[in-house]
Amino acid sequence: MNKIWLIFKREYITRVRNKTFLLSTFLLPIVMILFIFGSAYFAMSSKDGLKRIAVVNDPGMFRSNLKSDSSRMLFEFTTNVDSSNFDSKGYDAVLNLNNDSAAKKFTIHSKKQLGMDGKQLIENRLDRALEKNELQKKGIHKEILDSISKESMGAYTIENRLTSEKGKSEEVNAAVNYGVGFGSGILIYITMFIFGAMVMRGVMEEKTNRIAEVMVSSVKPFQLMMGKILGIAAVGLTQLLLWVILIMILSSVAGAFLPTEVIQQAGEANKSMPGGMGGNSAMAMKILDIQKDISSINWALIISCFIFYFLGGYLFYASLFAAIGSVINEDPQEAQSLMLPITMPIVFAFIIMTSNLNTPDSKIMVWASMIPFTSPIVMMGRIPSGVPGWQLAVSMILLIAGFIFTTWLAGKIYRTGILMYGKKATWKEMFKWAFRKS
């Protein structure tokens, strides 16, 4: 045990002091926050601003029913504008309401392509105008329709509450659970690849540099493998905890400004618009709801399970990566061919999680969250939405048993492969080493 500790200490200190570790630890959270907020900024800035659209050839039903969007589009009915001169008259586009009765299609001419959301907004406004016109034909006055629209817009919201077997009711937010589950799953997916490959490269370097020959003269190959795996696991856990702390600090600092600004804008828009139904107000309310849902999440359970599945998944696969590294000589193609059977279950687990996050209780998600090859990623996708205690316990027990088995299996392969040079090993030979009696 003392020898494993010495190898563990050497691996940990050497890698933590590495410049690459320090740069990746402190730069990645900054890059992530910049990416998230930058994506949001560019998504907002890429939306079309207020566009003046000339509307021509009105058949008579749209002038009083086609409503402008105060922040996106302004419809102006005119007669002296066409597709050749709308730009010179200060319009961004011209909408021709000459109806093609067969296809029910209008034409809009513009200098720049309309975005998908802009096109959909115009179509929705036209549909609503047609609906109002048909209702007016039935004897319902326009003033009544406008009053109903103001009162009914955003009048109802749905609150999803789950009732447990004990009768306890709690509110859930599918979007927040989806985000937390996806984020946790993809983080484990990435780190398993990164640190698993780190273990494999470390073993390969020691083998090709003949360092392993010197080390195995004083320690057993299994002790060498375990010390290396646990040392890199500690490095990964240290980096992960630092990432979480830094991301929380940076996101709190950045998030402290964004919601306040949005709410202030919403208040100003709310005063200026009739009925107080501004789009920014609805956005501000959604942000407040999301903040409330995030604060109500059982973070103690999620973080503790995340650490368990991060370590369990890493230890389950790291021993296999170490076994692969011990039989590789310096051929990259050999490494890729031997890694494929190990990496495929990780990729498969990620595909299952991303494809079924909206149905966390589906059969494929339940079974995949139990099997050790896929449970570290899939179970973290399920936990935010609620997992029965017995399923979580079975998943953890099977993952621990799987780690013990893969460590034993990899140890047998590692013991032979680390001292073998020149010959390419196959999976068939590696299984023979694994189950050969000592």
Protein backbone atom coordinates (compact mmCIF):
# COMPACT_ATOMS: atom_id res chain seq x y z
CA MET A 1 0.00 0.00 0.00
CA ASN A 2 2.91 2.33 0.77
CA LYS A 3 4.31 1.79 -2.74
CA ILE A 4 0.94 2.59 -4.34
CA TRP A 5 0.87 5.79 -2.26
CA LEU A 6 4.36 6.78 -3.46
CA ILE A 7 3.35 6.27 -7.12
CA PHE A 8 0.08 8.10 -6.47
CA LYS A 9 1.94 11.03 -4.92
CA ARG A 10 4.43 11.19 -7.79
CA GLU A 11 1.71 11.17 -10.45
CA TYR A 12 -0.38 13.78 -8.64
CA ILE A 13 2.39 16.28 -7.86
CA THR A 14 4.02 15.95 -11.29
CA ARG A 15 0.79 16.59 -13.18
CA VAL A 16 -0.58 19.32 -10.87
CA ARG A 17 2.63 21.33 -11.25
CA ASN A 18 2.47 21.01 -15.04
CA LYS A 19 1.83 24.29 -16.89
CA THR A 20 -0.78 22.60 -19.08
CA PHE A 21 -2.79 21.63 -15.99
CA LEU A 22 -2.66 25.16 -14.59
CA LEU A 23 -3.61 26.81 -17.88
CA SER A 24 -6.47 24.41 -18.62
CA THR A 25 -7.79 24.67 -15.06
CA PHE A 26 -8.05 28.44 -14.99
CA LEU A 27 -8.68 29.20 -18.66
CA LEU A 28 -11.43 26.64 -19.37
CA PRO A 29 -14.03 28.16 -16.97
CA ILE A 30 -13.36 31.61 -18.44
CA VAL A 31 -13.71 30.24 -21.97
CA MET A 32 -16.94 28.44 -21.03
CA ILE A 33 -18.51 31.54 -19.49
CA LEU A 34 -17.43 33.67 -22.46
CA PHE A 35 -18.85 31.05 -24.81
CA ILE A 36 -22.21 30.87 -23.00
CA PHE A 37 -22.73 34.61 -22.63
CA GLY A 38 -21.14 35.30 -26.01
CA SER A 39 -23.52 32.86 -27.67
CA ALA A 40 -26.46 34.53 -25.93
CA TYR A 41 -25.23 37.99 -26.95
CA PHE A 42 -24.72 37.05 -30.60
CA ALA A 43 -28.05 35.20 -30.65
CA MET A 44 -29.78 38.37 -29.44
CA SER A 45 -27.82 40.68 -31.74
CA SER A 46 -28.40 38.43 -34.75
CA LYS A 47 -32.18 38.89 -34.47
CA ASP A 48 -33.66 41.32 -36.91
CA GLY A 49 -34.27 44.78 -35.52
CA LEU A 50 -37.37 46.86 -36.23
CA LYS A 51 -38.16 46.54 -39.93
CA ARG A 52 -40.44 48.81 -41.93
CA ILE A 53 -42.51 46.67 -44.25
CA ALA A 54 -44.70 48.24 -46.90
CA VAL A 55 -47.97 46.36 -47.42
CA VAL A 56 -49.59 46.69 -50.85
CA ASN A 57 -52.65 45.31 -52.66
CA ASP A 58 -54.66 44.76 -49.50
CA PRO A 59 -57.87 42.92 -50.41
CA GLY A 60 -59.58 44.82 -47.59
CA MET A 61 -59.38 42.54 -44.59
CA PHE A 62 -55.79 43.09 -43.43
CA ARG A 63 -55.57 46.86 -42.91
CA SER A 64 -57.52 46.79 -39.65
CA ASN A 65 -56.40 43.34 -38.48
CA LEU A 66 -52.69 43.04 -39.33
CA LYS A 67 -50.86 44.16 -36.18
CA SER A 68 -47.28 45.40 -36.05
CA ASP A 69 -44.75 44.04 -33.57
CA SER A 70 -43.42 46.98 -31.55
CA SER A 71 -39.91 45.54 -31.32
CA ARG A 72 -39.57 43.56 -34.55
CA MET A 73 -41.73 44.71 -37.46
CA LEU A 74 -43.79 47.74 -38.48
CA PHE A 75 -46.44 47.18 -41.16
CA GLU A 76 -47.38 50.27 -43.19
CA PHE A 77 -50.18 50.09 -45.77
CA THR A 78 -49.42 52.14 -48.89
CA THR A 79 -50.16 52.25 -52.62
CA ASN A 80 -47.13 53.84 -54.26
CA VAL A 81 -44.52 51.21 -53.34
CA ASP A 82 -43.49 48.12 -55.32
CA SER A 83 -40.60 45.67 -55.56
CA SER A 84 -38.48 48.12 -57.57
CA ASN A 85 -38.61 51.20 -55.34
CA PHE A 86 -39.29 50.05 -51.75
CA ASP A 87 -35.64 50.48 -50.78
CA SER A 88 -35.46 54.07 -52.05
CA LYS A 89 -38.60 54.93 -50.11
CA GLY A 90 -37.08 53.81 -46.83
CA TYR A 91 -38.67 50.37 -46.49
CA ASP A 92 -36.84 47.15 -45.68
CA ALA A 93 -39.33 45.00 -47.61
CA VAL A 94 -42.61 45.10 -49.47
CA LEU A 95 -45.37 42.57 -48.81
CA ASN A 96 -47.68 41.97 -51.75
CA LEU A 97 -51.11 40.71 -50.66
CA ASN A 98 -52.19 39.53 -54.10
CA ASN A 99 -53.47 36.16 -52.95
CA ASP A 100 -52.69 33.02 -54.95
CA SER A 101 -55.99 31.30 -54.22
CA ALA A 102 -54.66 27.85 -55.06
CA ALA A 103 -51.50 27.94 -52.94
CA LYS A 104 -52.67 30.64 -50.49
CA LYS A 105 -49.29 32.30 -50.85
CA PHE A 106 -48.17 35.94 -50.64
CA THR A 107 -44.88 37.38 -51.84
CA ILE A 108 -42.46 39.58 -49.90
CA HIS A 109 -39.52 41.33 -51.60
CA SER A 110 -36.49 42.38 -49.58
CA LYS A 111 -32.84 43.25 -50.08
CA LYS A 112 -31.72 40.92 -47.33
CA GLN A 113 -32.97 37.43 -46.64
CA LEU A 114 -35.58 37.18 -43.90
CA GLY A 115 -34.62 34.95 -41.02
CA MET A 116 -36.72 31.89 -40.19
CA ASP A 117 -38.15 33.59 -37.11
CA GLY A 118 -38.95 36.76 -39.09
CA LYS A 119 -40.75 34.79 -41.81
CA GLN A 120 -42.68 32.83 -39.19
CA LEU A 121 -43.64 36.04 -37.37
CA ILE A 122 -45.16 37.53 -40.55
CA GLU A 123 -47.03 34.31 -41.32
CA ASN A 124 -48.40 34.18 -37.76
CA ARG A 125 -49.59 37.82 -37.99
CA LEU A 126 -51.31 37.11 -41.32
CA ASP A 127 -52.99 34.01 -39.90
CA ARG A 128 -54.21 35.98 -36.89
CA ALA A 129 -55.51 38.74 -39.16
CA LEU A 130 -57.44 36.18 -41.23
CA GLU A 131 -58.86 34.65 -38.06
CA LYS A 132 -60.06 38.04 -36.82
CA ASN A 133 -61.62 38.81 -40.20
CA GLU A 134 -63.55 35.52 -40.21
CA LEU A 135 -64.80 36.15 -36.68
CA GLN A 136 -65.92 39.66 -37.65
CA LYS A 137 -67.92 38.13 -40.48
CA LYS A 138 -69.75 36.12 -37.82
CA GLY A 139 -70.82 39.33 -36.10
CA ILE A 140 -68.11 39.72 -33.46
CA HIS A 141 -66.90 43.33 -33.29
CA LYS A 142 -63.20 44.19 -33.63
CA GLU A 143 -63.13 45.96 -30.24
CA ILE A 144 -64.34 42.80 -28.52
CA LEU A 145 -61.71 40.69 -30.30
CA ASP A 146 -58.94 43.11 -29.29
CA SER A 147 -60.15 43.09 -25.69
CA ILE A 148 -60.22 39.29 -25.61
CA SER A 149 -56.72 39.10 -27.11
CA LYS A 150 -55.28 41.41 -24.44
CA GLU A 151 -56.94 39.50 -21.62
CA SER A 152 -56.10 36.04 -22.92
CA MET A 153 -52.48 36.58 -24.00
CA GLY A 154 -50.30 34.82 -21.42
CA ALA A 155 -53.22 34.47 -19.03
CA TYR A 156 -52.43 30.88 -18.01
CA THR A 157 -49.27 29.06 -17.06
CA ILE A 158 -48.81 25.39 -16.20
CA GLU A 159 -46.94 24.26 -13.12
CA ASN A 160 -45.78 20.65 -13.27
CA ARG A 161 -45.79 18.92 -9.87
CA LEU A 162 -44.76 15.35 -9.18
CA THR A 163 -46.60 13.31 -6.57
CA SER A 164 -44.52 10.66 -4.82
CA GLU A 165 -45.79 7.36 -3.44
CA LYS A 166 -45.94 8.96 0.01
CA GLY A 167 -48.25 11.68 -1.32
CA LYS A 168 -45.63 14.43 -1.27
CA SER A 169 -45.98 16.96 -4.09
CA GLU A 170 -43.09 18.97 -5.51
CA GLU A 171 -42.71 21.32 -8.45
CA VAL A 172 -40.44 20.39 -11.35
CA ASN A 173 -39.15 22.26 -14.38
CA ALA A 174 -38.39 20.01 -17.34
CA ALA A 175 -36.13 22.59 -19.03
CA VAL A 176 -33.95 23.09 -15.93
CA ASN A 177 -33.76 19.33 -15.28
CA TYR A 178 -32.85 18.79 -18.93
CA GLY A 179 -30.08 21.38 -18.74
CA VAL A 180 -28.60 20.07 -15.48
CA GLY A 181 -28.81 16.45 -16.65
CA PHE A 182 -27.29 17.18 -20.04
CA GLY A 183 -24.52 19.32 -18.53
CA SER A 184 -23.60 16.65 -15.96
CA GLY A 185 -23.67 13.85 -18.53
CA ILE A 186 -21.57 15.63 -21.13
CA LEU A 187 -19.03 16.70 -18.49
CA ILE A 188 -18.52 13.08 -17.41
CA TYR A 189 -18.40 12.03 -21.08
CA ILE A 190 -15.62 14.52 -21.84
CA THR A 191 -13.59 13.88 -18.68
CA MET A 192 -13.73 10.10 -19.14
CA PHE A 193 -12.15 10.49 -22.55
CA ILE A 194 -9.61 13.08 -21.42
CA PHE A 195 -8.37 11.36 -18.26
CA GLY A 196 -8.71 7.83 -19.67
CA ALA A 197 -6.51 8.82 -22.59
CA MET A 198 -4.14 10.51 -20.12
CA VAL A 199 -3.71 7.21 -18.25
CA MET A 200 -3.08 5.33 -21.50
CA ARG A 201 -0.49 7.86 -22.72
CA GLY A 202 1.26 7.82 -19.34
CA VAL A 203 1.59 4.03 -19.43
CA MET A 204 2.73 4.11 -23.07
CA GLU A 205 5.43 6.71 -22.30
CA GLU A 206 6.79 4.73 -19.36
CA LYS A 207 6.84 1.58 -21.46
CA THR A 208 8.52 3.10 -24.53
CA ASN A 209 11.08 4.98 -22.38
CA ARG A 210 11.82 1.77 -20.46
CA ILE A 211 10.96 3.52 -17.19
CA ALA A 212 8.54 0.72 -16.38
CA GLU A 213 11.40 -1.82 -16.39
CA VAL A 214 13.14 0.12 -13.63
CA MET A 215 9.96 0.66 -11.62
CA VAL A 216 8.72 -2.94 -11.74
CA SER A 217 12.02 -4.04 -10.23
CA SER A 218 10.87 -2.48 -6.95
CA VAL A 219 7.06 -2.55 -7.27
CA LYS A 220 4.59 -5.00 -8.72
CA PRO A 221 3.02 -4.07 -12.07
CA PHE A 222 -0.44 -4.04 -10.44
CA GLN A 223 0.76 -1.57 -7.80
CA LEU A 224 2.24 0.59 -10.56
CA MET A 225 -1.05 0.57 -12.47
CA MET A 226 -3.18 1.34 -9.41
CA GLY A 227 -0.93 4.15 -8.24
CA LYS A 228 -1.02 5.74 -11.69
CA ILE A 229 -4.81 5.39 -12.04
CA LEU A 230 -5.54 6.79 -8.58
CA GLY A 231 -3.01 9.61 -8.99
CA ILE A 232 -4.54 10.77 -12.27
CA ALA A 233 -8.03 10.36 -10.74
CA ALA A 234 -7.00 12.74 -7.95
CA VAL A 235 -5.68 15.19 -10.55
CA GLY A 236 -8.96 14.97 -12.45
CA LEU A 237 -11.05 15.44 -9.31
CA THR A 238 -8.96 18.42 -8.25
CA GLN A 239 -9.34 20.01 -11.65
CA LEU A 240 -13.06 19.26 -11.72
CA LEU A 241 -13.67 20.82 -8.30
CA LEU A 242 -11.69 23.90 -9.30
CA TRP A 243 -13.73 24.13 -12.51
CA VAL A 244 -17.01 23.93 -10.59
CA ILE A 245 -15.91 26.59 -8.07
CA LEU A 246 -14.60 28.95 -10.76
CA ILE A 247 -17.63 28.49 -13.04
CA MET A 248 -20.02 29.13 -10.14
CA ILE A 249 -18.13 32.28 -9.14
CA LEU A 250 -17.87 33.61 -12.69
CA SER A 251 -21.48 32.76 -13.60
CA SER A 252 -22.74 34.38 -10.37
CA VAL A 253 -20.81 37.54 -11.11
CA ALA A 254 -21.99 37.62 -14.73
CA GLY A 255 -25.55 36.57 -13.90
CA ALA A 256 -25.89 39.23 -11.23
CA PHE A 257 -25.98 41.88 -13.95
CA LEU A 258 -27.98 40.23 -16.73
CA PRO A 259 -31.29 39.55 -14.95
CA THR A 260 -31.36 43.03 -13.36
CA GLU A 261 -30.93 44.73 -16.71
CA VAL A 262 -33.60 42.60 -18.34
CA ILE A 263 -36.05 43.26 -15.51
CA GLN A 264 -35.45 47.03 -15.71
CA GLN A 265 -36.05 46.98 -19.45
CA ALA A 266 -39.15 44.89 -18.87
CA GLY A 267 -40.48 47.45 -16.39
CA GLU A 268 -40.01 50.31 -18.85
CA ALA A 269 -41.59 48.33 -21.67
CA ASN A 270 -44.42 47.29 -19.39
CA LYS A 271 -45.33 50.92 -18.67
CA SER A 272 -45.27 51.96 -22.31
CA MET A 273 -47.37 49.12 -23.70
CA PRO A 274 -51.13 48.77 -23.26
CA GLY A 275 -52.16 45.93 -21.05
CA GLY A 276 -48.63 45.56 -19.70
CA MET A 277 -47.93 42.52 -21.85
CA GLY A 278 -44.48 43.41 -23.15
CA GLY A 279 -42.26 40.64 -24.54
CA ASN A 280 -39.38 41.61 -22.25
CA SER A 281 -41.67 41.33 -19.24
CA ALA A 282 -42.49 37.76 -20.14
CA MET A 283 -38.80 37.09 -20.62
CA ALA A 284 -37.98 38.57 -17.22
CA MET A 285 -40.64 36.43 -15.57
CA LYS A 286 -39.20 33.33 -17.26
CA ILE A 287 -35.72 34.22 -15.99
CA LEU A 288 -37.06 34.66 -12.46
CA ASP A 289 -38.88 31.32 -12.70
CA ILE A 290 -35.72 29.59 -13.91
CA GLN A 291 -33.70 31.13 -11.06
CA LYS A 292 -36.32 29.86 -8.62
CA ASP A 293 -36.24 26.37 -10.15
CA ILE A 294 -32.44 26.25 -10.07
CA SER A 295 -32.39 27.24 -6.40
CA SER A 296 -34.95 24.52 -5.58
CA ILE A 297 -32.85 21.71 -7.12
CA ASN A 298 -31.35 19.21 -4.69
CA TRP A 299 -27.77 20.22 -5.42
CA ALA A 300 -26.36 18.12 -2.57
CA LEU A 301 -27.71 14.95 -4.22
CA ILE A 302 -26.62 15.98 -7.71
CA ILE A 303 -23.09 16.99 -6.70
CA SER A 304 -22.54 13.90 -4.52
CA CYS A 305 -23.84 11.60 -7.28
CA PHE A 306 -21.79 13.46 -9.86
CA ILE A 307 -18.58 12.90 -7.84
CA PHE A 308 -19.47 9.22 -7.37
CA TYR A 309 -20.21 8.58 -11.04
CA PHE A 310 -17.27 10.68 -12.15
CA LEU A 311 -14.89 8.60 -10.02
CA GLY A 312 -16.72 5.32 -10.65
CA GLY A 313 -16.84 5.82 -14.41
CA TYR A 314 -13.24 6.98 -14.51
CA LEU A 315 -11.95 4.03 -12.46
CA PHE A 316 -14.08 1.60 -14.49
CA TYR A 317 -12.58 2.75 -17.80
CA ALA A 318 -9.15 3.99 -16.67
CA SER A 319 -8.01 0.48 -15.78
CA LEU A 320 -8.97 -0.66 -19.28
CA PHE A 321 -7.16 2.30 -20.83
CA ALA A 322 -4.09 1.41 -18.73
CA ALA A 323 -4.26 -2.19 -19.95
CA ILE A 324 -4.39 -0.96 -23.57
CA GLY A 325 -1.46 1.38 -22.98
CA SER A 326 0.62 -1.48 -21.57
CA VAL A 327 0.45 -3.53 -24.79
CA ILE A 328 0.96 -0.69 -27.31
CA ASN A 329 4.45 -0.16 -28.70
CA GLU A 330 4.65 3.12 -30.64
CA ASP A 331 2.08 2.56 -33.38
CA PRO A 332 -0.84 5.07 -33.33
CA GLN A 333 -2.95 2.82 -35.57
CA GLU A 334 -2.49 -0.03 -33.12
CA ALA A 335 -3.69 2.24 -30.31
CA GLN A 336 -6.79 3.29 -32.26
CA SER A 337 -7.79 -0.27 -33.13
CA LEU A 338 -7.42 -1.46 -29.53
CA MET A 339 -9.21 1.61 -28.10
CA LEU A 340 -12.32 1.18 -30.27
CA PRO A 341 -14.05 -1.51 -28.14
CA ILE A 342 -13.50 0.65 -25.04
CA THR A 343 -14.60 3.98 -26.47
CA MET A 344 -17.72 2.66 -28.24
CA PRO A 345 -19.72 2.07 -24.99
CA ILE A 346 -18.86 5.64 -23.87
CA VAL A 347 -20.10 7.09 -27.17
CA PHE A 348 -23.16 4.82 -27.09
CA ALA A 349 -23.99 6.01 -23.55
CA PHE A 350 -23.78 9.64 -24.67
CA ILE A 351 -26.09 8.95 -27.63
CA ILE A 352 -28.64 7.23 -25.36
CA MET A 353 -28.59 10.12 -22.89
CA THR A 354 -28.96 12.91 -25.45
CA SER A 355 -31.68 11.05 -27.39
CA ASN A 356 -33.84 10.23 -24.36
CA LEU A 357 -33.41 13.11 -21.90
CA ASN A 358 -37.03 14.13 -22.42
CA THR A 359 -38.13 10.64 -21.32
CA PRO A 360 -35.85 9.86 -18.35
CA ASP A 361 -38.06 6.95 -17.21
CA SER A 362 -38.08 5.14 -20.57
CA LYS A 363 -36.90 1.52 -20.58
CA ILE A 364 -33.70 2.22 -22.47
CA MET A 365 -32.74 5.01 -20.03
CA VAL A 366 -33.50 2.84 -16.99
CA TRP A 367 -31.49 -0.14 -18.24
CA ALA A 368 -28.62 2.00 -19.52
CA SER A 369 -28.43 3.74 -16.13
CA MET A 370 -27.92 0.32 -14.48
CA ILE A 371 -25.27 -1.21 -16.75
CA PRO A 372 -21.77 -0.11 -15.61
CA PHE A 373 -20.58 0.53 -19.18
CA THR A 374 -23.16 3.29 -19.65
CA SER A 375 -24.44 4.20 -16.15
CA PRO A 376 -21.95 7.03 -15.32
CA ILE A 377 -23.28 9.17 -18.19
CA VAL A 378 -26.91 8.03 -18.45
CA MET A 379 -27.70 8.05 -14.72
CA MET A 380 -26.48 11.65 -14.39
CA GLY A 381 -28.94 12.55 -17.14
CA ARG A 382 -31.77 11.00 -15.10
CA ILE A 383 -31.00 12.17 -11.56
CA PRO A 384 -32.24 15.81 -11.89
CA SER A 385 -35.67 14.50 -12.96
CA GLY A 386 -35.89 12.08 -10.02
CA VAL A 387 -34.75 8.46 -9.77
CA PRO A 388 -36.21 5.80 -7.45
CA GLY A 389 -33.86 5.01 -4.59
CA TRP A 390 -33.58 1.31 -5.43
CA GLN A 391 -32.52 2.06 -9.01
CA LEU A 392 -29.83 4.45 -7.81
CA ALA A 393 -28.58 1.89 -5.27
CA VAL A 394 -28.49 -0.95 -7.83
CA SER A 395 -26.67 1.29 -10.32
CA MET A 396 -24.03 2.25 -7.75
CA ILE A 397 -23.50 -1.32 -6.56
CA LEU A 398 -23.11 -2.62 -10.12
CA LEU A 399 -20.66 0.19 -10.96
CA ILE A 400 -18.51 -0.64 -7.92
CA ALA A 401 -18.60 -4.35 -8.83
CA GLY A 402 -17.77 -3.46 -12.43
CA PHE A 403 -14.80 -1.36 -11.33
CA ILE A 404 -13.43 -4.21 -9.21
CA PHE A 405 -13.81 -6.64 -12.12
CA THR A 406 -12.21 -4.37 -14.75
CA THR A 407 -9.36 -3.55 -12.37
CA TRP A 408 -8.69 -7.26 -11.82
CA LEU A 409 -8.94 -7.94 -15.56
CA ALA A 410 -6.73 -5.00 -16.51
CA GLY A 411 -4.19 -5.89 -13.82
CA LYS A 412 -3.65 -9.34 -15.35
CA ILE A 413 -3.20 -7.82 -18.83
CA TYR A 414 -1.00 -5.02 -17.53
CA ARG A 415 1.35 -7.43 -15.74
CA THR A 416 2.25 -9.16 -19.02
CA GLY A 417 1.85 -6.31 -21.50
CA ILE A 418 4.04 -3.73 -19.70
CA LEU A 419 7.16 -5.89 -20.21
CA MET A 420 6.36 -7.04 -23.76
CA TYR A 421 8.13 -5.23 -26.62
CA GLY A 422 8.08 -5.56 -30.39
CA LYS A 423 5.04 -7.82 -30.74
CA LYS A 424 1.56 -6.49 -31.53
CA ALA A 425 -0.99 -7.82 -29.09
CA THR A 426 -4.53 -8.77 -30.09
CA TRP A 427 -7.67 -8.84 -27.97
CA LYS A 428 -7.59 -12.63 -28.15
CA GLU A 429 -4.11 -12.75 -26.62
CA MET A 430 -5.04 -10.16 -24.00
CA PHE A 431 -7.99 -12.29 -22.85
CA LYS A 432 -5.66 -15.27 -22.59
CA TRP A 433 -3.36 -13.24 -20.32
CA ALA A 434 -6.33 -12.07 -18.25
CA PHE A 435 -7.71 -15.54 -17.52
CA ARG A 436 -4.42 -17.41 -17.37
CA LYS A 437 -3.73 -18.98 -14.01
CA SER A 438 -0.81 -17.36 -12.21
